[in-house]
Amino acid sequence: MKKVLLLLSLISTQFAIAGDADLGKAKSAMCTACHGADGNSINPMWPNLAGQHEEYTARQLSLFKNGERKATVMGGMVAGLNDDDMTNLGAYYANQKSKLAVADADLVTKGKAIYQGGNAKMEIPACMACHGVDGKGNPLSGYPVVAGQHTVYTEQRLKDFRAGDAVKNEDDINGNIMAKVAKYLSDDDIKAVASYMQGLY
C-alpha cells in the first residue's frame, strides 16, 4: 500500500509542476540561436532540447543558474529566469519533435554492445539500464532522453563526466552516477556509444 501511495504521490507531483508550453515558447526566443526554433540545434556542439523530459530541462536550467553546472554561456542566459520560466521552457521543449539522425555504420556494433550490455570486467553498466532500450530515459528518475542527441555533444559530456568536470555537487545523484559510468570508458568507447545513441529511435 505504501508503494502505491508513493507512486501516486510522484505522479501527482509530476502534474503539479507541469509547465505552460505556450509561455515557454514565448520565453524560448533567447534560446533559438543555439538550440534552434524547435529545439533541434544546427551546431552539433550544442544539445538538442526537442523531446527532452520537461523536468530534466527545467532542472538543468536551475543547475546552470545556481552554478552547480558550469557553462559560461548558459550561466548568463539563465540569469534572468525564474522557476516558472524554467518549468515553462521545459514544457515547451518536451512538446517539440526531435529530428531523425543516424549513427556511424562503422561504430554501431561497438556502440550497441556498450549501450545494451556495458562492460562487466570494467564495471561499466549498460546505458539502457537507466536510459531505456530506445534511449527515451526515465522522467521520474531524472534520467534524460539520449536518443537522437548529437554525437559531438554527447562525446564531450561523457568526457566531462570521465574527468570529473561535470560533477561539482555531491547531491547531484545522476551526475555522480555518470562520473562512475564514464570513468573507464576510452575515447573510442565514448565515440562509439555516442554515435549509437544519436541513431536511436
N, C-alpha and C. Protein backbone atom coordinates (compact mmCIF):
# COMPACT_ATOMS: atom_id res chain seq x y z
N MET A 1 0.82 -1.20 0.00
CA MET A 1 0.00 0.00 0.00
C MET A 1 0.87 1.27 0.00
N LYS A 2 1.95 1.22 0.79
CA LYS A 2 2.85 2.37 0.85
C LYS A 2 3.46 2.66 -0.52
N LYS A 3 3.79 1.58 -1.26
CA LYS A 3 4.38 1.77 -2.58
C LYS A 3 3.39 2.43 -3.53
N VAL A 4 2.11 2.03 -3.41
CA VAL A 4 1.07 2.61 -4.26
C VAL A 4 0.92 4.10 -3.96
N LEU A 5 0.90 4.43 -2.65
CA LEU A 5 0.76 5.83 -2.26
C LEU A 5 1.95 6.66 -2.74
N LEU A 6 3.15 6.06 -2.65
CA LEU A 6 4.34 6.76 -3.11
C LEU A 6 4.26 7.03 -4.60
N LEU A 7 3.83 6.02 -5.36
CA LEU A 7 3.71 6.17 -6.81
C LEU A 7 2.70 7.25 -7.14
N LEU A 8 1.55 7.24 -6.46
CA LEU A 8 0.53 8.25 -6.70
C LEU A 8 1.04 9.64 -6.36
N SER A 9 1.84 9.70 -5.31
CA SER A 9 2.42 10.98 -4.91
C SER A 9 3.35 11.51 -5.98
N LEU A 10 4.18 10.61 -6.53
CA LEU A 10 5.11 11.01 -7.58
C LEU A 10 4.36 11.48 -8.82
N ILE A 11 3.31 10.74 -9.18
CA ILE A 11 2.52 11.11 -10.35
C ILE A 11 1.85 12.46 -10.13
N SER A 12 1.31 12.67 -8.92
CA SER A 12 0.66 13.93 -8.60
C SER A 12 1.64 15.08 -8.69
N THR A 13 2.88 14.82 -8.21
CA THR A 13 3.90 15.86 -8.25
C THR A 13 4.22 16.23 -9.69
N GLN A 14 4.26 15.22 -10.58
CA GLN A 14 4.55 15.48 -11.98
C GLN A 14 3.51 16.43 -12.57
N PHE A 15 2.24 16.16 -12.26
CA PHE A 15 1.18 17.01 -12.79
C PHE A 15 1.21 18.39 -12.15
N ALA A 16 1.59 18.43 -10.86
CA ALA A 16 1.57 19.70 -10.14
C ALA A 16 2.61 20.68 -10.69
N ILE A 17 3.72 20.15 -11.19
CA ILE A 17 4.77 21.05 -11.66
C ILE A 17 4.76 21.21 -13.18
N ALA A 18 3.71 20.70 -13.83
CA ALA A 18 3.65 20.81 -15.29
C ALA A 18 3.66 22.28 -15.70
N GLY A 19 4.53 22.57 -16.66
CA GLY A 19 4.65 23.95 -17.11
C GLY A 19 3.69 24.29 -18.22
N ASP A 20 3.70 25.55 -18.62
CA ASP A 20 2.86 26.06 -19.70
C ASP A 20 3.72 26.17 -20.95
N ALA A 21 3.45 25.29 -21.92
CA ALA A 21 4.26 25.24 -23.14
C ALA A 21 4.16 26.53 -23.95
N ASP A 22 3.00 27.18 -23.93
CA ASP A 22 2.84 28.42 -24.69
C ASP A 22 3.71 29.54 -24.11
N LEU A 23 3.72 29.63 -22.79
CA LEU A 23 4.58 30.62 -22.14
C LEU A 23 6.05 30.26 -22.37
N GLY A 24 6.34 28.97 -22.39
CA GLY A 24 7.70 28.52 -22.66
C GLY A 24 8.15 28.88 -24.05
N LYS A 25 7.25 28.78 -25.02
CA LYS A 25 7.58 29.13 -26.40
C LYS A 25 7.96 30.61 -26.49
N ALA A 26 7.20 31.45 -25.82
CA ALA A 26 7.48 32.89 -25.84
C ALA A 26 8.85 33.17 -25.22
N LYS A 27 9.18 32.44 -24.18
CA LYS A 27 10.45 32.66 -23.48
C LYS A 27 11.63 32.04 -24.25
N SER A 28 11.33 31.12 -25.16
CA SER A 28 12.40 30.38 -25.86
C SER A 28 13.12 31.19 -26.93
N ALA A 29 12.63 32.40 -27.21
CA ALA A 29 13.24 33.21 -28.27
C ALA A 29 14.74 33.39 -28.04
N MET A 30 15.14 33.50 -26.79
CA MET A 30 16.56 33.72 -26.49
C MET A 30 17.38 32.45 -26.65
N CYS A 31 16.71 31.32 -26.81
CA CYS A 31 17.40 30.03 -26.91
C CYS A 31 17.64 29.60 -28.36
N THR A 32 16.92 30.23 -29.29
CA THR A 32 16.89 29.73 -30.66
C THR A 32 18.24 29.82 -31.39
N ALA A 33 19.05 30.82 -31.07
CA ALA A 33 20.32 30.98 -31.78
C ALA A 33 21.19 29.74 -31.65
N CYS A 34 21.14 29.09 -30.50
CA CYS A 34 21.97 27.89 -30.28
C CYS A 34 21.17 26.59 -30.43
N HIS A 35 19.94 26.59 -29.94
CA HIS A 35 19.20 25.34 -29.87
C HIS A 35 18.12 25.20 -30.94
N GLY A 36 18.01 26.18 -31.82
CA GLY A 36 17.02 26.11 -32.89
C GLY A 36 15.64 26.52 -32.41
N ALA A 37 14.81 26.95 -33.34
CA ALA A 37 13.46 27.42 -33.00
C ALA A 37 12.60 26.32 -32.40
N ASP A 38 12.88 25.08 -32.79
CA ASP A 38 12.07 23.96 -32.29
C ASP A 38 12.87 23.03 -31.38
N GLY A 39 14.02 23.50 -30.92
CA GLY A 39 14.81 22.68 -30.01
C GLY A 39 15.76 21.72 -30.69
N ASN A 40 15.85 21.78 -32.01
CA ASN A 40 16.82 20.97 -32.76
C ASN A 40 17.96 21.87 -33.20
N SER A 41 19.09 21.74 -32.53
CA SER A 41 20.21 22.65 -32.80
C SER A 41 20.91 22.29 -34.11
N ILE A 42 21.43 23.29 -34.77
CA ILE A 42 22.15 23.10 -36.02
C ILE A 42 23.61 22.73 -35.75
N ASN A 43 24.18 23.34 -34.74
CA ASN A 43 25.57 23.08 -34.37
C ASN A 43 25.62 21.86 -33.44
N PRO A 44 26.33 20.79 -33.83
CA PRO A 44 26.35 19.56 -33.02
C PRO A 44 27.06 19.71 -31.67
N MET A 45 27.69 20.87 -31.44
CA MET A 45 28.30 21.11 -30.13
C MET A 45 27.26 21.49 -29.08
N TRP A 46 26.09 21.93 -29.56
CA TRP A 46 25.02 22.35 -28.66
C TRP A 46 23.92 21.30 -28.68
N PRO A 47 23.37 20.96 -27.53
CA PRO A 47 22.41 19.85 -27.47
C PRO A 47 21.05 20.15 -28.08
N ASN A 48 20.45 19.10 -28.60
CA ASN A 48 19.04 19.16 -28.98
C ASN A 48 18.22 19.16 -27.70
N LEU A 49 17.20 20.00 -27.65
CA LEU A 49 16.31 20.04 -26.49
C LEU A 49 14.94 19.46 -26.83
N ALA A 50 14.64 19.34 -28.11
CA ALA A 50 13.34 18.84 -28.55
C ALA A 50 13.09 17.43 -28.04
N GLY A 51 11.96 17.24 -27.39
CA GLY A 51 11.56 15.93 -26.90
C GLY A 51 12.16 15.55 -25.57
N GLN A 52 12.99 16.43 -25.00
CA GLN A 52 13.59 16.12 -23.71
C GLN A 52 12.53 16.24 -22.61
N HIS A 53 12.67 15.44 -21.55
CA HIS A 53 11.71 15.48 -20.45
C HIS A 53 11.64 16.88 -19.84
N GLU A 54 10.43 17.32 -19.59
CA GLU A 54 10.21 18.66 -19.03
C GLU A 54 11.01 18.88 -17.75
N GLU A 55 10.92 17.92 -16.83
CA GLU A 55 11.57 18.08 -15.53
C GLU A 55 13.09 18.13 -15.67
N TYR A 56 13.63 17.34 -16.61
CA TYR A 56 15.08 17.32 -16.79
C TYR A 56 15.59 18.67 -17.29
N THR A 57 14.92 19.20 -18.31
CA THR A 57 15.34 20.50 -18.85
C THR A 57 15.24 21.59 -17.78
N ALA A 58 14.14 21.61 -17.06
CA ALA A 58 13.97 22.62 -16.01
C ALA A 58 15.06 22.49 -14.95
N ARG A 59 15.39 21.26 -14.58
CA ARG A 59 16.43 21.06 -13.56
C ARG A 59 17.79 21.52 -14.06
N GLN A 60 18.13 21.22 -15.32
CA GLN A 60 19.42 21.64 -15.85
C GLN A 60 19.53 23.17 -15.87
N LEU A 61 18.45 23.83 -16.23
CA LEU A 61 18.45 25.29 -16.22
C LEU A 61 18.69 25.82 -14.81
N SER A 62 18.07 25.15 -13.85
CA SER A 62 18.26 25.54 -12.46
C SER A 62 19.70 25.33 -12.00
N LEU A 63 20.29 24.21 -12.43
CA LEU A 63 21.68 23.93 -12.07
C LEU A 63 22.63 24.97 -12.68
N PHE A 64 22.33 25.37 -13.91
CA PHE A 64 23.13 26.42 -14.54
C PHE A 64 23.01 27.72 -13.75
N LYS A 65 21.79 28.04 -13.34
CA LYS A 65 21.56 29.31 -12.66
C LYS A 65 22.26 29.37 -11.31
N ASN A 66 22.21 28.27 -10.55
CA ASN A 66 22.83 28.32 -9.22
C ASN A 66 24.31 27.94 -9.24
N GLY A 67 24.84 27.69 -10.45
CA GLY A 67 26.28 27.44 -10.58
C GLY A 67 26.73 26.02 -10.34
N GLU A 68 25.79 25.11 -10.11
CA GLU A 68 26.16 23.71 -9.87
C GLU A 68 26.56 23.01 -11.16
N ARG A 69 26.06 23.49 -12.28
CA ARG A 69 26.51 23.01 -13.57
C ARG A 69 27.20 24.17 -14.28
N LYS A 70 28.45 24.00 -14.60
CA LYS A 70 29.26 25.09 -15.12
C LYS A 70 29.16 25.21 -16.65
N ALA A 71 28.87 26.40 -17.12
CA ALA A 71 28.88 26.72 -18.55
C ALA A 71 28.78 28.23 -18.66
N THR A 72 29.82 28.87 -19.13
CA THR A 72 29.89 30.33 -19.16
C THR A 72 28.71 30.95 -19.89
N VAL A 73 28.42 30.43 -21.09
CA VAL A 73 27.32 30.99 -21.89
C VAL A 73 25.99 30.78 -21.21
N MET A 74 25.72 29.56 -20.75
CA MET A 74 24.44 29.26 -20.14
C MET A 74 24.23 30.01 -18.84
N GLY A 75 25.29 30.23 -18.11
CA GLY A 75 25.16 30.97 -16.86
C GLY A 75 24.55 32.34 -17.10
N GLY A 76 24.98 33.00 -18.15
CA GLY A 76 24.43 34.31 -18.49
C GLY A 76 23.02 34.23 -19.03
N MET A 77 22.74 33.19 -19.80
CA MET A 77 21.42 33.06 -20.42
C MET A 77 20.31 32.82 -19.40
N VAL A 78 20.61 32.11 -18.33
CA VAL A 78 19.57 31.75 -17.36
C VAL A 78 19.46 32.74 -16.20
N ALA A 79 20.34 33.73 -16.17
CA ALA A 79 20.38 34.65 -15.03
C ALA A 79 19.04 35.32 -14.74
N GLY A 80 18.29 35.62 -15.80
CA GLY A 80 17.01 36.31 -15.61
C GLY A 80 15.80 35.41 -15.52
N LEU A 81 16.02 34.10 -15.52
CA LEU A 81 14.89 33.16 -15.48
C LEU A 81 14.48 32.86 -14.04
N ASN A 82 13.16 32.78 -13.81
CA ASN A 82 12.68 32.32 -12.50
C ASN A 82 12.24 30.86 -12.63
N ASP A 83 11.78 30.27 -11.55
CA ASP A 83 11.41 28.85 -11.56
C ASP A 83 10.31 28.55 -12.57
N ASP A 84 9.32 29.44 -12.66
CA ASP A 84 8.22 29.22 -13.60
C ASP A 84 8.73 29.27 -15.04
N ASP A 85 9.62 30.20 -15.33
CA ASP A 85 10.20 30.30 -16.67
C ASP A 85 10.88 28.99 -17.06
N MET A 86 11.65 28.44 -16.14
CA MET A 86 12.40 27.21 -16.42
C MET A 86 11.47 26.02 -16.63
N THR A 87 10.42 25.96 -15.82
CA THR A 87 9.44 24.89 -15.97
C THR A 87 8.69 25.04 -17.29
N ASN A 88 8.34 26.26 -17.65
CA ASN A 88 7.62 26.50 -18.91
C ASN A 88 8.49 26.18 -20.12
N LEU A 89 9.77 26.52 -20.04
CA LEU A 89 10.70 26.16 -21.12
C LEU A 89 10.80 24.65 -21.25
N GLY A 90 10.86 23.97 -20.11
CA GLY A 90 10.90 22.51 -20.13
C GLY A 90 9.67 21.93 -20.81
N ALA A 91 8.51 22.52 -20.52
CA ALA A 91 7.26 22.04 -21.12
C ALA A 91 7.25 22.28 -22.63
N TYR A 92 7.74 23.45 -23.04
CA TYR A 92 7.76 23.76 -24.48
C TYR A 92 8.63 22.78 -25.23
N TYR A 93 9.85 22.57 -24.78
CA TYR A 93 10.76 21.69 -25.50
C TYR A 93 10.33 20.23 -25.43
N ALA A 94 9.68 19.84 -24.34
CA ALA A 94 9.19 18.47 -24.23
C ALA A 94 8.15 18.17 -25.29
N ASN A 95 7.46 19.21 -25.73
CA ASN A 95 6.40 19.04 -26.73
C ASN A 95 6.88 19.19 -28.17
N GLN A 96 8.17 19.44 -28.35
CA GLN A 96 8.71 19.54 -29.71
C GLN A 96 9.21 18.18 -30.18
N LYS A 97 9.20 17.98 -31.47
CA LYS A 97 9.61 16.69 -32.04
C LYS A 97 11.08 16.74 -32.46
N SER A 98 11.84 15.77 -31.98
CA SER A 98 13.25 15.72 -32.36
C SER A 98 13.38 15.18 -33.78
N LYS A 99 14.36 15.69 -34.50
CA LYS A 99 14.58 15.27 -35.88
C LYS A 99 15.40 13.99 -35.92
N LEU A 100 15.13 13.16 -36.90
CA LEU A 100 15.83 11.89 -37.03
C LEU A 100 17.30 12.12 -37.35
N ALA A 101 18.14 11.30 -36.77
CA ALA A 101 19.57 11.35 -37.04
C ALA A 101 20.05 9.91 -37.21
N VAL A 102 21.25 9.73 -37.69
CA VAL A 102 21.76 8.37 -37.91
C VAL A 102 23.09 8.20 -37.20
N ALA A 103 23.40 6.94 -36.92
CA ALA A 103 24.68 6.59 -36.31
C ALA A 103 25.68 6.26 -37.41
N ASP A 104 26.95 6.38 -37.09
CA ASP A 104 28.02 5.97 -38.00
C ASP A 104 27.95 4.44 -38.10
N ALA A 105 27.72 3.93 -39.30
CA ALA A 105 27.56 2.49 -39.50
C ALA A 105 28.76 1.70 -39.00
N ASP A 106 29.94 2.28 -39.08
CA ASP A 106 31.16 1.58 -38.65
C ASP A 106 31.26 1.46 -37.13
N LEU A 107 30.44 2.25 -36.41
CA LEU A 107 30.53 2.25 -34.95
C LEU A 107 29.34 1.60 -34.26
N VAL A 108 28.35 1.19 -35.04
CA VAL A 108 27.11 0.66 -34.47
C VAL A 108 27.34 -0.58 -33.62
N THR A 109 28.11 -1.53 -34.10
CA THR A 109 28.31 -2.78 -33.37
C THR A 109 28.93 -2.53 -32.00
N LYS A 110 29.99 -1.74 -31.98
CA LYS A 110 30.67 -1.43 -30.71
C LYS A 110 29.78 -0.58 -29.81
N GLY A 111 29.15 0.42 -30.38
CA GLY A 111 28.28 1.30 -29.59
C GLY A 111 27.10 0.56 -29.00
N LYS A 112 26.49 -0.31 -29.77
CA LYS A 112 25.35 -1.09 -29.31
C LYS A 112 25.76 -2.02 -28.17
N ALA A 113 26.93 -2.63 -28.29
CA ALA A 113 27.41 -3.55 -27.26
C ALA A 113 27.56 -2.82 -25.92
N ILE A 114 28.10 -1.62 -25.96
CA ILE A 114 28.28 -0.84 -24.73
C ILE A 114 26.93 -0.37 -24.20
N TYR A 115 26.10 0.16 -25.10
CA TYR A 115 24.81 0.71 -24.68
C TYR A 115 23.92 -0.37 -24.07
N GLN A 116 23.87 -1.53 -24.70
CA GLN A 116 22.96 -2.57 -24.24
C GLN A 116 23.57 -3.53 -23.21
N GLY A 117 24.89 -3.66 -23.23
CA GLY A 117 25.49 -4.64 -22.33
C GLY A 117 26.54 -4.12 -21.36
N GLY A 118 27.00 -2.88 -21.57
CA GLY A 118 28.05 -2.36 -20.71
C GLY A 118 29.32 -3.17 -20.84
N ASN A 119 30.11 -3.20 -19.78
CA ASN A 119 31.35 -3.99 -19.74
C ASN A 119 31.57 -4.42 -18.30
N ALA A 120 31.16 -5.65 -18.00
CA ALA A 120 31.23 -6.15 -16.63
C ALA A 120 32.66 -6.14 -16.08
N LYS A 121 33.63 -6.48 -16.92
CA LYS A 121 35.02 -6.55 -16.48
C LYS A 121 35.51 -5.17 -16.01
N MET A 122 35.05 -4.13 -16.70
CA MET A 122 35.46 -2.77 -16.35
C MET A 122 34.45 -2.08 -15.43
N GLU A 123 33.45 -2.83 -14.99
CA GLU A 123 32.40 -2.31 -14.10
C GLU A 123 31.62 -1.15 -14.73
N ILE A 124 31.42 -1.28 -16.05
CA ILE A 124 30.63 -0.28 -16.76
C ILE A 124 29.23 -0.85 -17.00
N PRO A 125 28.19 -0.29 -16.38
CA PRO A 125 26.84 -0.81 -16.56
C PRO A 125 26.28 -0.47 -17.94
N ALA A 126 25.27 -1.20 -18.36
CA ALA A 126 24.61 -0.91 -19.63
C ALA A 126 23.91 0.44 -19.55
N CYS A 127 24.07 1.24 -20.58
CA CYS A 127 23.43 2.55 -20.63
C CYS A 127 21.90 2.42 -20.58
N MET A 128 21.41 1.35 -21.20
CA MET A 128 19.95 1.20 -21.30
C MET A 128 19.31 0.91 -19.94
N ALA A 129 20.12 0.56 -18.93
CA ALA A 129 19.56 0.32 -17.60
C ALA A 129 18.89 1.57 -17.06
N CYS A 130 19.41 2.73 -17.42
CA CYS A 130 18.82 4.00 -16.98
C CYS A 130 18.08 4.72 -18.11
N HIS A 131 18.64 4.66 -19.31
CA HIS A 131 18.10 5.45 -20.42
C HIS A 131 17.13 4.67 -21.30
N GLY A 132 16.93 3.38 -21.01
CA GLY A 132 15.98 2.58 -21.76
C GLY A 132 16.54 2.05 -23.06
N VAL A 133 15.95 0.98 -23.54
CA VAL A 133 16.40 0.37 -24.79
C VAL A 133 16.31 1.35 -25.95
N ASP A 134 15.29 2.21 -25.92
CA ASP A 134 15.07 3.16 -27.01
C ASP A 134 15.68 4.53 -26.74
N GLY A 135 16.40 4.66 -25.62
CA GLY A 135 17.05 5.93 -25.31
C GLY A 135 16.13 7.04 -24.84
N LYS A 136 14.92 6.68 -24.42
CA LYS A 136 13.94 7.70 -24.01
C LYS A 136 14.04 8.07 -22.53
N GLY A 137 14.94 7.45 -21.80
CA GLY A 137 15.17 7.83 -20.42
C GLY A 137 14.03 7.49 -19.48
N ASN A 138 14.03 8.12 -18.31
CA ASN A 138 13.01 7.88 -17.30
C ASN A 138 12.78 9.19 -16.54
N PRO A 139 11.69 9.90 -16.85
CA PRO A 139 11.47 11.21 -16.24
C PRO A 139 11.32 11.17 -14.72
N LEU A 140 10.70 10.11 -14.19
CA LEU A 140 10.52 10.03 -12.75
C LEU A 140 11.84 9.88 -12.01
N SER A 141 12.81 9.24 -12.65
CA SER A 141 14.12 9.05 -12.03
C SER A 141 15.11 10.15 -12.41
N GLY A 142 14.71 11.00 -13.33
CA GLY A 142 15.58 12.09 -13.74
C GLY A 142 16.58 11.72 -14.82
N TYR A 143 16.40 10.53 -15.44
CA TYR A 143 17.32 10.12 -16.49
C TYR A 143 16.84 10.67 -17.82
N PRO A 144 17.67 11.42 -18.53
CA PRO A 144 17.24 12.13 -19.73
C PRO A 144 17.10 11.25 -20.98
N VAL A 145 16.41 11.80 -21.95
CA VAL A 145 16.37 11.24 -23.29
C VAL A 145 17.76 11.41 -23.90
N VAL A 146 18.30 10.32 -24.45
CA VAL A 146 19.60 10.40 -25.13
C VAL A 146 19.47 10.07 -26.61
N ALA A 147 18.34 9.53 -27.00
CA ALA A 147 18.12 9.17 -28.40
C ALA A 147 18.13 10.42 -29.27
N GLY A 148 18.91 10.38 -30.35
CA GLY A 148 18.93 11.49 -31.30
C GLY A 148 19.82 12.65 -30.90
N GLN A 149 20.47 12.55 -29.74
CA GLN A 149 21.35 13.65 -29.33
C GLN A 149 22.60 13.66 -30.19
N HIS A 150 23.12 14.84 -30.47
CA HIS A 150 24.31 14.97 -31.31
C HIS A 150 25.49 14.16 -30.75
N THR A 151 26.15 13.42 -31.62
CA THR A 151 27.32 12.64 -31.21
C THR A 151 28.38 13.54 -30.58
N VAL A 152 28.66 14.66 -31.21
CA VAL A 152 29.71 15.57 -30.72
C VAL A 152 29.40 16.05 -29.30
N TYR A 153 28.16 16.44 -29.07
CA TYR A 153 27.76 16.92 -27.75
C TYR A 153 27.87 15.81 -26.71
N THR A 154 27.35 14.63 -27.05
CA THR A 154 27.38 13.51 -26.09
C THR A 154 28.81 13.09 -25.78
N GLU A 155 29.65 13.08 -26.80
CA GLU A 155 31.06 12.76 -26.58
C GLU A 155 31.67 13.69 -25.54
N GLN A 156 31.44 14.98 -25.70
CA GLN A 156 32.03 15.95 -24.78
C GLN A 156 31.49 15.78 -23.37
N ARG A 157 30.18 15.54 -23.26
CA ARG A 157 29.58 15.35 -21.93
C ARG A 157 30.17 14.13 -21.24
N LEU A 158 30.33 13.03 -21.97
CA LEU A 158 30.89 11.82 -21.38
C LEU A 158 32.35 12.05 -20.96
N LYS A 159 33.08 12.80 -21.76
CA LYS A 159 34.47 13.10 -21.39
C LYS A 159 34.52 14.01 -20.16
N ASP A 160 33.57 14.92 -20.06
CA ASP A 160 33.50 15.78 -18.88
C ASP A 160 33.18 14.95 -17.63
N PHE A 161 32.25 14.02 -17.78
CA PHE A 161 31.93 13.14 -16.65
C PHE A 161 33.16 12.31 -16.27
N ARG A 162 33.84 11.78 -17.26
CA ARG A 162 35.02 10.94 -17.01
C ARG A 162 36.10 11.72 -16.27
N ALA A 163 36.26 12.98 -16.62
CA ALA A 163 37.27 13.82 -15.99
C ALA A 163 36.83 14.37 -14.64
N GLY A 164 35.55 14.21 -14.33
CA GLY A 164 35.02 14.74 -13.09
C GLY A 164 34.60 16.19 -13.18
N ASP A 165 34.72 16.77 -14.37
CA ASP A 165 34.41 18.19 -14.54
C ASP A 165 32.91 18.48 -14.53
N ALA A 166 32.09 17.45 -14.76
CA ALA A 166 30.65 17.68 -14.84
C ALA A 166 29.97 17.50 -13.50
N VAL A 167 30.71 17.11 -12.48
CA VAL A 167 30.13 16.88 -11.17
C VAL A 167 30.78 17.82 -10.17
N LYS A 168 30.02 18.81 -9.73
CA LYS A 168 30.54 19.79 -8.78
C LYS A 168 29.79 19.73 -7.45
N ASN A 169 28.75 18.94 -7.40
CA ASN A 169 27.89 18.91 -6.23
C ASN A 169 27.65 17.47 -5.80
N GLU A 170 27.95 17.14 -4.55
CA GLU A 170 27.80 15.77 -4.07
C GLU A 170 26.34 15.32 -4.08
N ASP A 171 25.41 16.28 -4.09
CA ASP A 171 23.99 15.93 -4.10
C ASP A 171 23.47 15.64 -5.50
N ASP A 172 24.30 15.85 -6.52
CA ASP A 172 23.89 15.59 -7.89
C ASP A 172 23.99 14.09 -8.16
N ILE A 173 22.93 13.37 -7.81
CA ILE A 173 22.93 11.90 -7.89
C ILE A 173 23.23 11.42 -9.30
N ASN A 174 22.52 11.95 -10.28
CA ASN A 174 22.72 11.50 -11.65
C ASN A 174 24.12 11.81 -12.16
N GLY A 175 24.62 12.99 -11.81
CA GLY A 175 25.96 13.36 -12.22
C GLY A 175 27.01 12.44 -11.64
N ASN A 176 26.84 12.06 -10.40
CA ASN A 176 27.80 11.16 -9.77
C ASN A 176 27.72 9.75 -10.36
N ILE A 177 26.51 9.34 -10.71
CA ILE A 177 26.35 8.04 -11.38
C ILE A 177 27.10 8.06 -12.70
N MET A 178 26.91 9.13 -13.48
CA MET A 178 27.56 9.21 -14.77
C MET A 178 29.08 9.30 -14.66
N ALA A 179 29.57 9.93 -13.62
CA ALA A 179 31.02 10.00 -13.42
C ALA A 179 31.59 8.60 -13.24
N LYS A 180 30.87 7.76 -12.51
CA LYS A 180 31.33 6.39 -12.29
C LYS A 180 31.20 5.55 -13.56
N VAL A 181 30.15 5.79 -14.31
CA VAL A 181 29.93 5.05 -15.55
C VAL A 181 31.02 5.38 -16.57
N ALA A 182 31.35 6.66 -16.69
CA ALA A 182 32.29 7.11 -17.73
C ALA A 182 33.75 6.92 -17.34
N LYS A 183 33.99 6.63 -16.09
CA LYS A 183 35.36 6.58 -15.57
C LYS A 183 36.29 5.71 -16.38
N TYR A 184 35.80 4.56 -16.84
CA TYR A 184 36.67 3.60 -17.53
C TYR A 184 36.41 3.53 -19.03
N LEU A 185 35.62 4.46 -19.55
CA LEU A 185 35.37 4.47 -20.99
C LEU A 185 36.55 5.10 -21.72
N SER A 186 37.03 4.44 -22.77
CA SER A 186 38.10 5.02 -23.59
C SER A 186 37.49 6.03 -24.55
N ASP A 187 38.33 6.82 -25.22
CA ASP A 187 37.82 7.75 -26.22
C ASP A 187 37.07 7.02 -27.32
N ASP A 188 37.58 5.86 -27.72
CA ASP A 188 36.90 5.07 -28.77
C ASP A 188 35.55 4.56 -28.28
N ASP A 189 35.48 4.14 -27.03
CA ASP A 189 34.21 3.68 -26.45
C ASP A 189 33.20 4.82 -26.48
N ILE A 190 33.65 5.99 -26.05
CA ILE A 190 32.77 7.15 -25.97
C ILE A 190 32.25 7.54 -27.36
N LYS A 191 33.14 7.57 -28.34
CA LYS A 191 32.73 7.92 -29.70
C LYS A 191 31.69 6.93 -30.24
N ALA A 192 31.92 5.65 -29.98
CA ALA A 192 31.01 4.62 -30.50
C ALA A 192 29.64 4.69 -29.84
N VAL A 193 29.60 4.80 -28.52
CA VAL A 193 28.31 4.79 -27.84
C VAL A 193 27.56 6.10 -28.08
N ALA A 194 28.30 7.22 -28.22
CA ALA A 194 27.65 8.49 -28.52
C ALA A 194 27.02 8.45 -29.91
N SER A 195 27.72 7.85 -30.86
CA SER A 195 27.19 7.72 -32.21
C SER A 195 25.96 6.82 -32.22
N TYR A 196 26.04 5.73 -31.46
CA TYR A 196 24.90 4.80 -31.40
C TYR A 196 23.66 5.50 -30.85
N MET A 197 23.84 6.30 -29.81
CA MET A 197 22.72 7.00 -29.22
C MET A 197 22.11 8.02 -30.18
N GLN A 198 22.97 8.65 -30.99
CA GLN A 198 22.46 9.61 -31.97
C GLN A 198 21.47 8.94 -32.94
N GLY A 199 21.70 7.68 -33.25
CA GLY A 199 20.83 6.98 -34.20
C GLY A 199 19.70 6.20 -33.56
N LEU A 200 19.54 6.30 -32.25
CA LEU A 200 18.48 5.55 -31.57
C LEU A 200 17.11 6.15 -31.80
N TYR A 201 16.18 5.35 -32.35
CA TYR A 201 14.78 5.78 -32.49
C TYR A 201 13.89 4.57 -32.45
